[in-house]
Amino acid sequence: MEEGEPVVSFENVSFRFADADEDTLSGLAFSCRRGETTAVIGGTGSGKSTIGRLMMRFYDVSQGTVRICGRDVREMRQQDLRERVSYVPQKAWLFSGTIADNLKYGKPDASEEEMLHTLSAAQADFVTELPEGLFSHTAQGGTNFSGGQKQRLAIARALMKKADLYIFDDSFSALDFKTDSALRKALKEETKGAAVLIIAQRINTILNADQIVVLNEGKIAGIGTHRELMEGCSVYQEIAKSQMRGGEE
């Protein structure tokens, strides 16, 4: 597939939980293209995290179709889906073992050099300062690391895999602004030739995205660049205003 071709397409997608009276998502139509970063932003309860979960088939759509590389995800085997998509969930999770074991989950034959390179890209250089480095112990869930360290290790694990699509579901929330900014620069290089989807709460995480999808109560309120949305999307303007008021730049 070439740059600019859709890796993921949402075709009039709606989703409703079995016990709900209303759709969580309604009539979504957009694509994530190879070589581009797509961001999804919206208030709490807007349904933004459900988008990533539909791509991973944690849930199936109620209406419409989600396609990855042209195929309906419902017709793909889990293994094929996992090979094409690298996903960092909202709550970073590490397996029990070592840091190296976790990174090799993304690439079983990875060399130490490759692992150190990816850790550096994920702003997880703290690993080199640990007495046992790559072979430091990770407790189940990663409970022996801070929230920010866990997120960076989970991002490094996702980057070890050469995927068609990388999904970061609010994966930068525990990072300070400086680390967040450095990480996003490195991501561009590491994910070259793939599609990237960032599900975000902070506008400054997604300022430079190629397209931003704004969700409001499960519907698309606008699609465009930061500049376009600041000019023409009231929901986006509100989010920006409230974050500036709250001290988030």
C-alpha atoms as a PDB file:
ATOM      1  CA  MET A   1       0.000   0.000   0.000  1.00  0.00           C
ATOM      2  CA  GLU A   2       1.182   3.504  -0.818  1.00  0.00           C
ATOM      3  CA  GLU A   3       1.355   6.687   1.243  1.00  0.00           C
ATOM      4  CA  GLY A   4      -2.034   8.354   1.497  1.00  0.00           C
ATOM      5  CA  GLU A   5      -4.019   5.147   1.030  1.00  0.00           C
ATOM      6  CA  PRO A   6      -6.586   4.394   3.762  1.00  0.00           C
ATOM      7  CA  VAL A   7      -5.373   1.843   6.309  1.00  0.00           C
ATOM      8  CA  VAL A   8      -8.576   2.143   8.356  1.00  0.00           C
ATOM      9  CA  SER A   9     -11.977   3.252   7.133  1.00  0.00           C
ATOM     10  CA  PHE A  10     -15.069   3.835   9.250  1.00  0.00           C
ATOM     11  CA  GLU A  11     -18.053   3.534   6.929  1.00  0.00           C
ATOM     12  CA  ASN A  12     -21.194   4.945   8.552  1.00  0.00           C
ATOM     13  CA  VAL A  13     -20.367   3.220  11.854  1.00  0.00           C
ATOM     14  CA  SER A  14     -22.741   3.166  14.813  1.00  0.00           C
ATOM     15  CA  PHE A  15     -22.269   1.291  18.066  1.00  0.00           C
ATOM     16  CA  ARG A  16     -24.549   0.668  21.017  1.00  0.00           C
ATOM     17  CA  PHE A  17     -23.852  -1.336  24.165  1.00  0.00           C
ATOM     18  CA  ALA A  18     -26.315  -4.197  24.626  1.00  0.00           C
ATOM     19  CA  ASP A  19     -27.912  -2.679  27.730  1.00  0.00           C
ATOM     20  CA  ALA A  20     -28.007   0.945  26.464  1.00  0.00           C
ATOM     21  CA  ASP A  21     -30.940   3.001  25.187  1.00  0.00           C
ATOM     22  CA  GLU A  22     -28.806   5.193  22.935  1.00  0.00           C
ATOM     23  CA  ASP A  23     -25.871   4.771  20.557  1.00  0.00           C
ATOM     24  CA  THR A  24     -22.395   5.431  21.994  1.00  0.00           C
ATOM     25  CA  LEU A  25     -21.253   6.232  18.447  1.00  0.00           C
ATOM     26  CA  SER A  26     -23.515   7.247  15.592  1.00  0.00           C
ATOM     27  CA  GLY A  27     -22.896   7.499  11.814  1.00  0.00           C
ATOM     28  CA  LEU A  28     -19.084   7.862  11.914  1.00  0.00           C
ATOM     29  CA  ALA A  29     -17.351   8.178   8.554  1.00  0.00           C
ATOM     30  CA  PHE A  30     -13.596   8.886   8.291  1.00  0.00           C
ATOM     31  CA  SER A  31     -10.312   7.235   7.259  1.00  0.00           C
ATOM     32  CA  CYS A  32      -6.808   6.963   8.748  1.00  0.00           C
ATOM     33  CA  ARG A  33      -4.278   7.091   5.912  1.00  0.00           C
ATOM     34  CA  ARG A  34      -0.807   5.641   5.546  1.00  0.00           C
ATOM     35  CA  GLY A  35       1.893   8.177   6.372  1.00  0.00           C
ATOM     36  CA  GLU A  36      -0.554  10.408   8.263  1.00  0.00           C
ATOM     37  CA  THR A  37      -1.542  11.025  11.881  1.00  0.00           C
ATOM     38  CA  THR A  38      -5.244  11.123  12.668  1.00  0.00           C
ATOM     39  CA  ALA A  39      -6.326  12.341  16.085  1.00  0.00           C
ATOM     40  CA  VAL A  40      -9.658  11.893  17.852  1.00  0.00           C
ATOM     41  CA  ILE A  41     -10.661  14.330  20.569  1.00  0.00           C
ATOM     42  CA  GLY A  42     -13.862  14.931  22.518  1.00  0.00           C
ATOM     43  CA  GLY A  43     -15.159  15.488  26.009  1.00  0.00           C
ATOM     44  CA  THR A  44     -15.642  12.725  28.593  1.00  0.00           C
ATOM     45  CA  GLY A  45     -18.333  10.342  27.397  1.00  0.00           C
ATOM     46  CA  SER A  46     -17.992  11.405  23.744  1.00  0.00           C
ATOM     47  CA  GLY A  47     -17.162   7.795  22.776  1.00  0.00           C
ATOM     48  CA  LYS A  48     -13.590   8.427  21.634  1.00  0.00           C
ATOM     49  CA  SER A  49     -11.997   5.346  23.255  1.00  0.00           C
ATOM     50  CA  THR A  50     -14.690   3.106  21.740  1.00  0.00           C
ATOM     51  CA  ILE A  51     -13.229   3.941  18.299  1.00  0.00           C
ATOM     52  CA  GLY A  52      -9.936   2.157  19.083  1.00  0.00           C
ATOM     53  CA  ARG A  53     -11.774  -0.770  20.634  1.00  0.00           C
ATOM     54  CA  LEU A  54     -13.890  -1.266  17.509  1.00  0.00           C
ATOM     55  CA  MET A  55     -10.713  -1.359  15.409  1.00  0.00           C
ATOM     56  CA  MET A  56      -9.293  -4.037  17.706  1.00  0.00           C
ATOM     57  CA  ARG A  57     -12.627  -5.916  17.735  1.00  0.00           C
ATOM     58  CA  PHE A  58     -13.009  -5.755  21.484  1.00  0.00           C
ATOM     59  CA  TYR A  59     -16.534  -4.830  20.343  1.00  0.00           C
ATOM     60  CA  ASP A  60     -18.301  -5.215  17.008  1.00  0.00           C
ATOM     61  CA  VAL A  61     -20.168  -2.402  15.275  1.00  0.00           C
ATOM     62  CA  SER A  62     -23.971  -2.248  15.541  1.00  0.00           C
ATOM     63  CA  GLN A  63     -24.213  -0.713  12.057  1.00  0.00           C
ATOM     64  CA  GLY A  64     -21.817   0.091   9.229  1.00  0.00           C
ATOM     65  CA  THR A  65     -18.333  -1.326   8.645  1.00  0.00           C
ATOM     66  CA  VAL A  66     -14.812  -0.888   9.978  1.00  0.00           C
ATOM     67  CA  ARG A  67     -12.204  -1.864   7.372  1.00  0.00           C
ATOM     68  CA  ILE A  68      -8.489  -2.380   7.902  1.00  0.00           C
ATOM     69  CA  CYS A  69      -6.399  -2.511   4.710  1.00  0.00           C
ATOM     70  CA  GLY A  70      -9.673  -2.905   2.777  1.00  0.00           C
ATOM     71  CA  ARG A  71     -11.001  -5.864   4.790  1.00  0.00           C
ATOM     72  CA  ASP A  72     -14.007  -5.857   7.107  1.00  0.00           C
ATOM     73  CA  VAL A  73     -12.497  -6.454  10.575  1.00  0.00           C
ATOM     74  CA  ARG A  74     -15.294  -8.940  11.311  1.00  0.00           C
ATOM     75  CA  GLU A  75     -13.884 -11.180   8.562  1.00  0.00           C
ATOM     76  CA  MET A  76     -10.292 -11.018   9.838  1.00  0.00           C
ATOM     77  CA  ARG A  77      -8.722 -13.559  12.168  1.00  0.00           C
ATOM     78  CA  GLN A  78      -7.538 -12.084  15.478  1.00  0.00           C
ATOM     79  CA  GLN A  79      -3.981 -13.072  14.575  1.00  0.00           C
ATOM     80  CA  ASP A  80      -4.101 -11.118  11.272  1.00  0.00           C
ATOM     81  CA  LEU A  81      -5.552  -8.121  13.068  1.00  0.00           C
ATOM     82  CA  ARG A  82      -2.869  -8.245  15.768  1.00  0.00           C
ATOM     83  CA  GLU A  83      -0.145  -8.424  13.110  1.00  0.00           C
ATOM     84  CA  ARG A  84      -1.421  -5.320  11.334  1.00  0.00           C
ATOM     85  CA  VAL A  85      -2.300  -3.205  14.369  1.00  0.00           C
ATOM     86  CA  SER A  86      -0.200  -2.118  17.353  1.00  0.00           C
ATOM     87  CA  TYR A  87      -2.346  -0.815  20.216  1.00  0.00           C
ATOM     88  CA  VAL A  88      -1.447   1.036  23.417  1.00  0.00           C
ATOM     89  CA  PRO A  89      -4.483   1.088  25.721  1.00  0.00           C
ATOM     90  CA  GLN A  90      -5.461   3.890  28.063  1.00  0.00           C
ATOM     91  CA  LYS A  91      -4.248   1.961  31.092  1.00  0.00           C
ATOM     92  CA  ALA A  92      -0.721   0.830  30.267  1.00  0.00           C
ATOM     93  CA  TRP A  93      -0.144  -2.807  31.187  1.00  0.00           C
ATOM     94  CA  LEU A  94       3.138  -4.727  31.423  1.00  0.00           C
ATOM     95  CA  PHE A  95       3.572  -8.489  31.588  1.00  0.00           C
ATOM     96  CA  SER A  96       5.438 -10.078  34.455  1.00  0.00           C
ATOM     97  CA  GLY A  97       9.035 -10.964  33.475  1.00  0.00           C
ATOM     98  CA  THR A  98      11.655  -8.443  32.352  1.00  0.00           C
ATOM     99  CA  ILE A  99      11.600  -5.252  30.290  1.00  0.00           C
ATOM    100  CA  ALA A 100      13.242  -7.219  27.453  1.00  0.00           C
ATOM    101  CA  ASP A 101      10.476  -9.884  27.617  1.00  0.00           C
ATOM    102  CA  ASN A 102       7.884  -7.141  27.238  1.00  0.00           C
ATOM    103  CA  LEU A 103       9.643  -5.544  24.269  1.00  0.00           C
ATOM    104  CA  LYS A 104      10.139  -8.905  22.548  1.00  0.00           C
ATOM    105  CA  TYR A 105       6.383  -9.412  22.616  1.00  0.00           C
ATOM    106  CA  GLY A 106       6.380  -6.902  19.732  1.00  0.00           C
ATOM    107  CA  LYS A 107       9.373  -8.489  17.981  1.00  0.00           C
ATOM    108  CA  PRO A 108      10.537 -11.879  19.321  1.00  0.00           C
ATOM    109  CA  ASP A 109      13.962 -11.777  17.604  1.00  0.00           C
ATOM    110  CA  ALA A 110      14.804  -8.178  18.582  1.00  0.00           C
ATOM    111  CA  SER A 111      18.449  -7.437  19.348  1.00  0.00           C
ATOM    112  CA  GLU A 112      19.545  -5.469  22.423  1.00  0.00           C
ATOM    113  CA  GLU A 113      20.513  -2.606  20.100  1.00  0.00           C
ATOM    114  CA  GLU A 114      17.010  -2.492  18.572  1.00  0.00           C
ATOM    115  CA  MET A 115      15.395  -2.560  22.001  1.00  0.00           C
ATOM    116  CA  LEU A 116      17.579   0.295  23.297  1.00  0.00           C
ATOM    117  CA  HIS A 117      16.838   2.337  20.160  1.00  0.00           C
ATOM    118  CA  THR A 118      13.075   1.900  20.617  1.00  0.00           C
ATOM    119  CA  LEU A 119      13.265   2.689  24.347  1.00  0.00           C
ATOM    120  CA  SER A 120      15.078   5.910  23.465  1.00  0.00           C
ATOM    121  CA  ALA A 121      12.378   6.823  20.893  1.00  0.00           C
ATOM    122  CA  ALA A 122       9.702   6.172  23.533  1.00  0.00           C
ATOM    123  CA  GLN A 123      11.574   8.516  25.929  1.00  0.00           C
ATOM    124  CA  ALA A 124      12.239   5.541  28.239  1.00  0.00           C
ATOM    125  CA  ASP A 125      15.990   6.126  28.643  1.00  0.00           C
ATOM    126  CA  PHE A 126      15.540   5.618  32.400  1.00  0.00           C
ATOM    127  CA  VAL A 127      15.892   1.885  31.650  1.00  0.00           C
ATOM    128  CA  THR A 128      19.626   2.289  30.936  1.00  0.00           C
ATOM    129  CA  GLU A 129      20.076   3.724  34.451  1.00  0.00           C
ATOM    130  CA  LEU A 130      18.506   0.700  36.152  1.00  0.00           C
ATOM    131  CA  PRO A 131      21.106  -1.719  37.619  1.00  0.00           C
ATOM    132  CA  GLU A 132      19.875  -4.569  35.401  1.00  0.00           C
ATOM    133  CA  GLY A 133      18.880  -2.411  32.419  1.00  0.00           C
ATOM    134  CA  LEU A 134      16.829  -4.349  29.859  1.00  0.00           C
ATOM    135  CA  PHE A 135      16.734  -7.333  32.178  1.00  0.00           C
ATOM    136  CA  SER A 136      15.114  -5.441  35.047  1.00  0.00           C
ATOM    137  CA  HIS A 137      12.124  -7.221  36.564  1.00  0.00           C
ATOM    138  CA  THR A 138       8.589  -6.141  35.645  1.00  0.00           C
ATOM    139  CA  ALA A 139       5.812  -7.073  38.054  1.00  0.00           C
ATOM    140  CA  GLN A 140       2.461  -8.224  36.650  1.00  0.00           C
ATOM    141  CA  GLY A 141       0.744  -5.072  35.368  1.00  0.00           C
ATOM    142  CA  GLY A 142       3.980  -3.099  35.787  1.00  0.00           C
ATOM    143  CA  THR A 143       3.170  -2.100  39.366  1.00  0.00           C
ATOM    144  CA  ASN A 144       6.871  -1.549  40.172  1.00  0.00           C
ATOM    145  CA  PHE A 145       7.012   1.428  37.757  1.00  0.00           C
ATOM    146  CA  SER A 146       5.410   4.875  37.895  1.00  0.00           C
ATOM    147  CA  GLY A 147       2.450   5.724  35.633  1.00  0.00           C
ATOM    148  CA  GLY A 148       4.649   7.702  33.222  1.00  0.00           C
ATOM    149  CA  GLN A 149       7.328   4.970  33.093  1.00  0.00           C
ATOM    150  CA  LYS A 150       4.682   2.330  32.425  1.00  0.00           C
ATOM    151  CA  GLN A 151       3.205   4.366  29.568  1.00  0.00           C
ATOM    152  CA  ARG A 152       6.620   4.845  27.973  1.00  0.00           C
ATOM    153  CA  LEU A 153       7.435   1.117  28.242  1.00  0.00           C
ATOM    154  CA  ALA A 154       4.052   0.180  26.739  1.00  0.00           C
ATOM    155  CA  ILE A 155       4.667   2.641  23.873  1.00  0.00           C
ATOM    156  CA  ALA A 156       8.145   1.149  23.299  1.00  0.00           C
ATOM    157  CA  ARG A 157       6.622  -2.350  23.161  1.00  0.00           C
ATOM    158  CA  ALA A 158       4.077  -1.160  20.561  1.00  0.00           C
ATOM    159  CA  LEU A 159       6.816   0.461  18.455  1.00  0.00           C
ATOM    160  CA  MET A 160       8.880  -2.756  18.380  1.00  0.00           C
ATOM    161  CA  LYS A 161       6.288  -4.170  16.027  1.00  0.00           C
ATOM    162  CA  LYS A 162       6.271  -2.938  12.434  1.00  0.00           C
ATOM    163  CA  ALA A 163       2.522  -2.440  12.010  1.00  0.00           C
ATOM    164  CA  ASP A 164       0.227  -0.869   9.396  1.00  0.00           C
ATOM    165  CA  LEU A 165      -1.604   1.031  12.119  1.00  0.00           C
ATOM    166  CA  TYR A 166      -0.516   2.324  15.533  1.00  0.00           C
ATOM    167  CA  ILE A 167      -3.278   3.255  17.992  1.00  0.00           C
ATOM    168  CA  PHE A 168      -2.391   5.359  21.033  1.00  0.00           C
ATOM    169  CA  ASP A 169      -5.472   5.526  23.253  1.00  0.00           C
ATOM    170  CA  ASP A 170      -4.815   8.473  25.548  1.00  0.00           C
ATOM    171  CA  SER A 171      -1.359   6.906  25.988  1.00  0.00           C
ATOM    172  CA  PHE A 172       0.434  10.177  26.762  1.00  0.00           C
ATOM    173  CA  SER A 173      -1.773  11.296  29.663  1.00  0.00           C
ATOM    174  CA  ALA A 174       0.772  10.490  32.403  1.00  0.00           C
ATOM    175  CA  LEU A 175       3.618  12.267  30.590  1.00  0.00           C
ATOM    176  CA  ASP A 176       4.726  15.828  31.248  1.00  0.00           C
ATOM    177  CA  PHE A 177       4.529  18.251  28.317  1.00  0.00           C
ATOM    178  CA  LYS A 178       8.254  18.124  27.547  1.00  0.00           C
ATOM    179  CA  THR A 179       8.312  14.294  27.355  1.00  0.00           C
ATOM    180  CA  ASP A 180       5.040  14.284  25.395  1.00  0.00           C
ATOM    181  CA  SER A 181       6.481  16.705  22.825  1.00  0.00           C
ATOM    182  CA  ALA A 182       9.798  14.803  22.434  1.00  0.00           C
ATOM    183  CA  LEU A 183       7.913  11.516  22.103  1.00  0.00           C
ATOM    184  CA  ARG A 184       5.642  12.837  19.357  1.00  0.00           C
ATOM    185  CA  LYS A 185       8.684  14.006  17.350  1.00  0.00           C
ATOM    186  CA  ALA A 186      10.281  10.553  17.655  1.00  0.00           C
ATOM    187  CA  LEU A 187       7.000   8.818  16.762  1.00  0.00           C
ATOM    188  CA  LYS A 188       6.982  10.464  13.345  1.00  0.00           C
ATOM    189  CA  GLU A 189      10.252   8.737  12.481  1.00  0.00           C
ATOM    190  CA  GLU A 190       9.417   5.374  14.092  1.00  0.00           C
ATOM    191  CA  THR A 191       5.987   5.023  12.453  1.00  0.00           C
ATOM    192  CA  LYS A 192       7.016   6.169   8.960  1.00  0.00           C
ATOM    193  CA  GLY A 193       4.873   4.548   6.274  1.00  0.00           C
ATOM    194  CA  ALA A 194       2.136   3.503   8.723  1.00  0.00           C
ATOM    195  CA  ALA A 195      -1.099   5.170   9.806  1.00  0.00           C
ATOM    196  CA  VAL A 196      -1.202   6.602  13.328  1.00  0.00           C
ATOM    197  CA  LEU A 197      -4.334   7.172  15.400  1.00  0.00           C
ATOM    198  CA  ILE A 198      -4.015   9.227  18.582  1.00  0.00           C
ATOM    199  CA  ILE A 199      -7.021   9.333  20.914  1.00  0.00           C
ATOM    200  CA  ALA A 200      -6.382  12.362  23.087  1.00  0.00           C
ATOM    201  CA  GLN A 201      -7.725  14.594  25.808  1.00  0.00           C
ATOM    202  CA  ARG A 202      -5.135  17.357  25.520  1.00  0.00           C
ATOM    203  CA  ILE A 203      -5.261  19.540  22.425  1.00  0.00           C
ATOM    204  CA  ASN A 204      -1.552  20.281  22.570  1.00  0.00           C
ATOM    205  CA  THR A 205      -0.877  16.541  22.003  1.00  0.00           C
ATOM    206  CA  ILE A 206      -2.560  16.721  18.591  1.00  0.00           C
ATOM    207  CA  LEU A 207      -1.826  20.230  17.266  1.00  0.00           C
ATOM    208  CA  ASN A 208       0.226  18.884  14.357  1.00  0.00           C
ATOM    209  CA  ALA A 209      -2.016  15.954  13.379  1.00  0.00           C
ATOM    210  CA  ASP A 210      -2.833  15.741   9.660  1.00  0.00           C
ATOM    211  CA  GLN A 211      -6.503  15.473  10.548  1.00  0.00           C
ATOM    212  CA  ILE A 212      -8.422  15.794  13.801  1.00  0.00           C
ATOM    213  CA  VAL A 213     -11.807  14.143  14.274  1.00  0.00           C
ATOM    214  CA  VAL A 214     -13.895  15.984  16.873  1.00  0.00           C
ATOM    215  CA  LEU A 215     -16.511  13.891  18.674  1.00  0.00           C
ATOM    216  CA  ASN A 216     -19.484  15.236  20.558  1.00  0.00           C
ATOM    217  CA  GLU A 217     -22.001  12.846  22.140  1.00  0.00           C
ATOM    218  CA  GLY A 218     -20.949  10.036  19.796  1.00  0.00           C
ATOM    219  CA  LYS A 219     -21.241  12.036  16.554  1.00  0.00           C
ATOM    220  CA  ILE A 220     -18.604  13.778  14.457  1.00  0.00           C
ATOM    221  CA  ALA A 221     -18.778  17.525  15.128  1.00  0.00           C
ATOM    222  CA  GLY A 222     -15.909  18.391  12.782  1.00  0.00           C
ATOM    223  CA  ILE A 223     -12.926  17.035  10.840  1.00  0.00           C
ATOM    224  CA  GLY A 224      -9.905  19.110   9.872  1.00  0.00           C
ATOM    225  CA  THR A 225      -6.535  20.456  10.965  1.00  0.00           C
ATOM    226  CA  HIS A 226      -6.136  22.372  14.228  1.00  0.00           C
ATOM    227  CA  ARG A 227      -6.259  25.674  12.350  1.00  0.00           C
ATOM    228  CA  GLU A 228      -9.359  24.747  10.338  1.00  0.00           C
ATOM    229  CA  LEU A 229     -11.205  23.560  13.444  1.00  0.00           C
ATOM    230  CA  MET A 230     -10.272  26.664  15.440  1.00  0.00           C
ATOM    231  CA  GLU A 231     -11.924  28.667  12.676  1.00  0.00           C
ATOM    232  CA  GLY A 232     -15.002  26.570  12.040  1.00  0.00           C
ATOM    233  CA  CYS A 233     -15.844  24.039  14.796  1.00  0.00           C
ATOM    234  CA  SER A 234     -17.499  25.397  17.952  1.00  0.00           C
ATOM    235  CA  VAL A 235     -17.067  22.108  19.911  1.00  0.00           C
ATOM    236  CA  TYR A 236     -13.312  22.174  19.249  1.00  0.00           C
ATOM    237  CA  GLN A 237     -13.103  25.872  20.134  1.00  0.00           C
ATOM    238  CA  GLU A 238     -14.818  25.104  23.471  1.00  0.00           C
ATOM    239  CA  ILE A 239     -12.349  22.302  24.281  1.00  0.00           C
ATOM    240  CA  ALA A 240      -9.423  24.618  23.435  1.00  0.00           C
ATOM    241  CA  LYS A 241     -10.846  27.446  25.559  1.00  0.00           C
ATOM    242  CA  SER A 242     -11.521  25.255  28.593  1.00  0.00           C
ATOM    243  CA  GLN A 243      -7.997  23.764  28.460  1.00  0.00           C
ATOM    244  CA  MET A 244      -6.385  27.176  28.248  1.00  0.00           C
ATOM    245  CA  ARG A 245      -8.486  28.328  31.206  1.00  0.00           C
ATOM    246  CA  GLY A 246      -7.451  25.208  33.115  1.00  0.00           C
ATOM    247  CA  GLY A 247      -3.781  26.059  32.627  1.00  0.00           C
ATOM    248  CA  GLU A 248      -3.169  23.477  29.876  1.00  0.00           C
ATOM    249  CA  GLU A 249      -1.492  25.178  26.943  1.00  0.00           C
END
